[in-house]
C-alpha atoms as a PDB file:
ATOM      1  CA  MET A   1     -15.328-149.078 -67.169  1.00  0.00           C
ATOM      2  CA  ALA A   2     -14.398-145.493 -66.499  1.00  0.00           C
ATOM      3  CA  TRP A   3     -10.853-144.515 -65.581  1.00  0.00           C
ATOM      4  CA  MET A   4      -9.781-141.079 -64.364  1.00  0.00           C
ATOM      5  CA  ILE A   5      -6.324-140.044 -65.516  1.00  0.00           C
ATOM      6  CA  GLU A   6      -4.954-137.094 -63.572  1.00  0.00           C
ATOM      7  CA  CYS A   7      -1.662-135.659 -64.785  1.00  0.00           C
ATOM      8  CA  ALA A   8       0.489-132.973 -63.229  1.00  0.00           C
ATOM      9  CA  ASP A   9       2.692-131.072 -65.649  1.00  0.00           C
ATOM     10  CA  SER A  10       6.431-131.666 -65.561  1.00  0.00           C
ATOM     11  CA  PRO A  11       8.781-128.756 -64.823  1.00  0.00           C
ATOM     12  CA  ASP A  12       8.976-128.313 -68.629  1.00  0.00           C
ATOM     13  CA  GLY A  13       5.183-127.988 -68.807  1.00  0.00           C
ATOM     14  CA  PRO A  14       4.994-124.227 -69.390  1.00  0.00           C
ATOM     15  CA  ARG A  15       7.503-124.413 -72.248  1.00  0.00           C
ATOM     16  CA  LEU A  16       5.885-127.470 -73.818  1.00  0.00           C
ATOM     17  CA  ARG A  17       2.400-125.953 -73.629  1.00  0.00           C
ATOM     18  CA  LEU A  18       3.709-123.038 -75.724  1.00  0.00           C
ATOM     19  CA  ASP A  19       5.020-125.450 -78.371  1.00  0.00           C
ATOM     20  CA  LYS A  20       2.325-125.364 -81.047  1.00  0.00           C
ATOM     21  CA  SER A  21       3.492-128.589 -82.687  1.00  0.00           C
ATOM     22  CA  VAL A  22       3.238-130.506 -79.398  1.00  0.00           C
ATOM     23  CA  MET A  23      -0.180-129.121 -78.528  1.00  0.00           C
ATOM     24  CA  ASP A  24      -1.540-129.576 -82.071  1.00  0.00           C
ATOM     25  CA  ALA A  25      -0.400-133.211 -82.043  1.00  0.00           C
ATOM     26  CA  HIS A  26      -1.948-133.667 -78.575  1.00  0.00           C
ATOM     27  CA  TRP A  27      -5.288-132.242 -79.752  1.00  0.00           C
ATOM     28  CA  ALA A  28      -5.286-134.373 -82.905  1.00  0.00           C
ATOM     29  CA  TYR A  29      -4.599-137.449 -80.770  1.00  0.00           C
ATOM     30  CA  GLU A  30      -7.443-136.673 -78.349  1.00  0.00           C
ATOM     31  CA  LEU A  31      -9.822-136.156 -81.259  1.00  0.00           C
ATOM     32  CA  SER A  32      -8.742-139.534 -82.677  1.00  0.00           C
ATOM     33  CA  ILE A  33      -9.771-141.309 -79.439  1.00  0.00           C
ATOM     34  CA  LYS A  34     -12.766-139.127 -78.564  1.00  0.00           C
ATOM     35  CA  SER A  35     -15.205-142.048 -78.770  1.00  0.00           C
ATOM     36  CA  CYS A  36     -13.568-143.365 -75.571  1.00  0.00           C
ATOM     37  CA  ILE A  37     -13.354-140.009 -73.779  1.00  0.00           C
ATOM     38  CA  LEU A  38     -16.040-139.142 -71.233  1.00  0.00           C
ATOM     39  CA  ALA A  39     -14.342-135.895 -70.191  1.00  0.00           C
ATOM     40  CA  ALA A  40     -11.059-134.113 -70.860  1.00  0.00           C
ATOM     41  CA  GLY A  41      -9.491-130.784 -70.040  1.00  0.00           C
ATOM     42  CA  SER A  42      -6.637-128.936 -68.461  1.00  0.00           C
ATOM     43  CA  LEU A  43      -6.267-128.377 -64.742  1.00  0.00           C
ATOM     44  CA  ARG A  44      -5.524-124.771 -63.817  1.00  0.00           C
ATOM     45  CA  LYS A  45      -4.326-122.704 -60.901  1.00  0.00           C
ATOM     46  CA  ASP A  46      -6.994-120.801 -59.003  1.00  0.00           C
ATOM     47  CA  ASP A  47      -6.525-117.906 -61.431  1.00  0.00           C
ATOM     48  CA  GLY A  48      -8.339-120.058 -64.011  1.00  0.00           C
ATOM     49  CA  ILE A  49      -5.641-119.257 -66.551  1.00  0.00           C
ATOM     50  CA  THR A  50      -2.374-121.000 -65.691  1.00  0.00           C
ATOM     51  CA  PRO A  51      -2.349-124.706 -66.681  1.00  0.00           C
ATOM     52  CA  VAL A  52      -0.809-127.111 -64.170  1.00  0.00           C
ATOM     53  CA  GLY A  53      -1.947-130.481 -65.524  1.00  0.00           C
ATOM     54  CA  SER A  54      -4.805-132.325 -67.120  1.00  0.00           C
ATOM     55  CA  LEU A  55      -7.745-134.593 -66.387  1.00  0.00           C
ATOM     56  CA  LEU A  56      -8.987-137.269 -68.725  1.00  0.00           C
ATOM     57  CA  ILE A  57     -11.787-139.729 -68.032  1.00  0.00           C
ATOM     58  CA  VAL A  58     -11.859-142.603 -70.483  1.00  0.00           C
ATOM     59  CA  ASP A  59     -14.228-145.513 -70.946  1.00  0.00           C
ATOM     60  CA  VAL A  60     -11.944-148.507 -71.543  1.00  0.00           C
ATOM     61  CA  PRO A  61     -11.892-152.056 -70.147  1.00  0.00           C
ATOM     62  CA  THR A  62      -8.756-151.945 -67.988  1.00  0.00           C
ATOM     63  CA  ARG A  63      -6.341-149.705 -66.133  1.00  0.00           C
ATOM     64  CA  ALA A  64      -3.645-150.865 -68.555  1.00  0.00           C
ATOM     65  CA  ASP A  65      -5.775-149.600 -71.466  1.00  0.00           C
ATOM     66  CA  ALA A  66      -6.157-146.208 -69.757  1.00  0.00           C
ATOM     67  CA  LEU A  67      -2.411-145.996 -69.195  1.00  0.00           C
ATOM     68  CA  ALA A  68      -1.792-146.959 -72.812  1.00  0.00           C
ATOM     69  CA  PHE A  69      -3.998-144.052 -73.945  1.00  0.00           C
ATOM     70  CA  VAL A  70      -2.112-141.462 -71.908  1.00  0.00           C
ATOM     71  CA  ASN A  71       1.299-142.912 -72.760  1.00  0.00           C
ATOM     72  CA  ALA A  72       0.513-142.781 -76.503  1.00  0.00           C
ATOM     73  CA  ASP A  73      -0.369-139.075 -76.278  1.00  0.00           C
ATOM     74  CA  PRO A  74       2.213-136.949 -78.119  1.00  0.00           C
ATOM     75  CA  ALA A  75       2.190-134.505 -75.186  1.00  0.00           C
ATOM     76  CA  THR A  76       3.180-137.304 -72.808  1.00  0.00           C
ATOM     77  CA  GLN A  77       5.867-138.461 -75.217  1.00  0.00           C
ATOM     78  CA  ALA A  78       7.203-134.901 -75.454  1.00  0.00           C
ATOM     79  CA  GLY A  79       7.605-134.797 -71.659  1.00  0.00           C
ATOM     80  CA  LEU A  80       4.605-132.663 -70.654  1.00  0.00           C
ATOM     81  CA  ARG A  81       3.437-135.093 -67.984  1.00  0.00           C
ATOM     82  CA  GLY A  82       5.216-135.098 -64.645  1.00  0.00           C
ATOM     83  CA  THR A  83       3.152-137.484 -62.585  1.00  0.00           C
ATOM     84  CA  ILE A  84       0.318-139.622 -63.880  1.00  0.00           C
ATOM     85  CA  ARG A  85      -2.341-141.125 -61.626  1.00  0.00           C
ATOM     86  CA  VAL A  86      -4.914-143.581 -62.989  1.00  0.00           C
ATOM     87  CA  THR A  87      -7.906-144.396 -60.803  1.00  0.00           C
ATOM     88  CA  TYR A  88     -11.071-146.388 -61.445  1.00  0.00           C
ATOM     89  CA  TRP A  89     -13.988-143.952 -61.489  1.00  0.00           C
ATOM     90  CA  ASN A  90     -17.479-145.022 -60.462  1.00  0.00           C
ATOM     91  CA  PRO A  91     -19.820-142.239 -61.636  1.00  0.00           C
ATOM     92  CA  ALA A  92     -22.823-141.593 -59.403  1.00  0.00           C
ATOM     93  CA  ILE A  93     -24.041-138.414 -61.109  1.00  0.00           C
ATOM     94  CA  LEU A  94     -22.982-137.524 -64.630  1.00  0.00           C
ATOM     95  CA  ALA A  95     -24.169-134.416 -66.452  1.00  0.00           C
ATOM     96  CA  GLY A  96     -26.753-133.791 -63.734  1.00  0.00           C
ATOM     97  CA  ARG A  97     -28.226-137.280 -63.990  1.00  0.00           C
ATOM     98  CA  GLU A  98     -27.910-140.258 -61.678  1.00  0.00           C
ATOM     99  CA  THR A  99     -26.137-143.230 -63.181  1.00  0.00           C
ATOM    100  CA  ASP A 100     -26.940-146.871 -62.687  1.00  0.00           C
END
């Protein structure tokens, strides 16, 4: 099952995103779970530069599993995430192809 995890940065987001140790740990964590990740990336302002949050789509059995993934992320633990929304995602078209 696919779960979309949309996170808005906390007020400390800009500072935490500049913290190399936090972001390196975040990247290492995402690479460690990449077999479950369908898509991941930062959300940005319309300028395409300024990060404001993140989007992660994971293939795990339950909503609780998806929440566990985001809560175990070192960036979440450091306080980067402000709000976290987890929603079941039913893909209709993925990478230009219809899904079953």
